[in-house]
Amino acid sequence: MMAVADLTPHDRRGDPRAPEAGAAPGLVPGLARRVHLLGAGGAGLSGVAKLLLGRGHEVSGYDRARSAFIDSLEALGVPVALGESRAADLPEDARAVVRTAAIGDDDPQVRVARERGLPVLKYAEVLARLSPAGRTLAVAGTHGKTTTAWMLYHALAGVTAAVGRTAPGPGALVGGTNRVLGENAIAPDPGGWFAVEACEYDRSFLQLAPAGAIVTNLESDHLDYYGTFAALEGAFARFADRVPAGGLLVLGEDVPESIASAARCRVWRLQRELRVDHAPGRQGCYRFRLRGPGWAAPEVELRVPGRFNVDNAALALALATGLAAEAWHLDPGAAARHAAEELATFVGVERRYEPWGTHGGIEVVHDYAHHPTEVRATIEAARGAMPGKTLHVLFQPHQHSRTARFLDGFVDSLSGADRVVIADVYGARAPIDTEAAGAEELVRRLAAAGVDVTYGGPVREAARVLARDIGPGGAALVLGAGDVDGVKDDLERYLALRGAAARGPVG
């Protein structure tokens, strides 16, 4: 992207909202050099590990099972212990421990760390320390956080490139890998914007003090932690209040008014201050135009399917335009144009409508969907992207409490498929679930609703069951936020063998 002569940074002295260039950061303040990560194979902590390495920290890790994130850490020289957690897995030279919210106080490594007097921090606490003051932009909401955060990064990169060499490049820490960049974490240049995914579970996002924020939407979820929707809504209101008066909060169309009312800063809401016009594009993707207060962006043709991604992209484009234009004293229309150009290059995130290729004549797509709204939206996107195909869905429910709470919603959303295979529940937080339902109960409810459904058992066996009965003209959609992504190779092999058997002997 070419720099534009009149798009130069303004004199930022005395303006606390503008990004400032500075010396390269060293160790994270208040954090020991030697850090051990519990849950290092997750998207969040693996990203933290990479950023800590870049700041000069020495890092080790632990997780129950191997993942692609662990492979990437080991390639960087980070030792990661695997299996059941043991006290011996905590290195003798560790001086601080960071854990995911899913790891409790009874974990053997947590216990021995406290016996040694080591600080034991949660992921959110370290994310807050990694997030640069005045330059962090946070994306929250029930659905769409990961995709929107990466869209925001791309939009910021477009504006930054337009400013020219003097503008520091943006960074990101997101709970999913950008399919083009191959990263889930990118350190910002000193003084650059930092786009982060802000999770509401455990009130983690209240650790942040963002200069600007997005709330995509809000629905009942994580009620195993919050108890009531009112408590969840209250936490989001407190999150909105954390954006300073000089910042910007961008809201999805259906976000409760209480969240906008809690904000001290400017608020732009879709279909109020922000007007979105959209039209179908190609292969289930959409085109849209966005108009904001006193500015308009050119048409963007998305490369990720689903109408819901229009809202995600519009929110990201609006925040990047509103804050970057003000920080650099740019014409908002010019900032929007360059942000839109770069946003159009975004092709998606791993595990978010991620194509797994065509095997045995069957097109396969995987998505992280684990809430009824997400399941419904992903099935609708697949219908648009693969018109006329018989849609076979493998669904791995995520958490027994969520399965119990949303049984009716899952029945309704999965009814949009032609055939469904249900794998065993992935019990991410089973020890703290206060209510529970299993895969068998979901299967019974789907069958009673007239859905063509099969209980698949363990997830790898469920993949075999899915492949067994897919006929010509079918497509496979693999859904879930647990370890269902691990069936990719098995499913590809099953489909290839099924295709070969269907073709019969040659000659």
Foldseek 3Di string as FASTA:
>chain_A
DAADPVQAFDDQPPPLLFFDADDDAAAQPPDDQAEEEEQCQFLQNLQVVVVRVVRRGQYEYEYADDDVSVVVVVVVVHHYHYRQAACVRQDPPHQAYEYEPLDDCPGNVNVVCVVVVHHYHYSLLSVQSLADPSQEEEEAEDDDLQVLLVLLLLLLQLLQVRNPDVRWHEWEAGRFAQPVVRGNTDRTRRRHHYRYYAYPAVLSLLSHQGLEYEYEAYDDDNCLRQVDSVSSLVSLLSSQCSHDQDGEYEYEAHHDVSNVVSHNYHYHYEPPQKDKDKDPDPLQWIKIWIDGVVETEDIATAQDHFPSVSSSNNRSLVRSLVSVCVNRVHDSHVSSHSSRVSSNVRNDTPQCQAWLQAALQATETGHADAALVSLLRVLVSNCSNQPPFQEEEEEAHEAFQRCVVCLVSNLVRVQSHQEYEYEWHHHSNHVSRPHGDIRVVSQVVNVVVVHRYHYQYHLLSSLLVRLPPRDNRHYYYYYHNHCNVVNSVVNSVSSNVVSDVVVPDDD
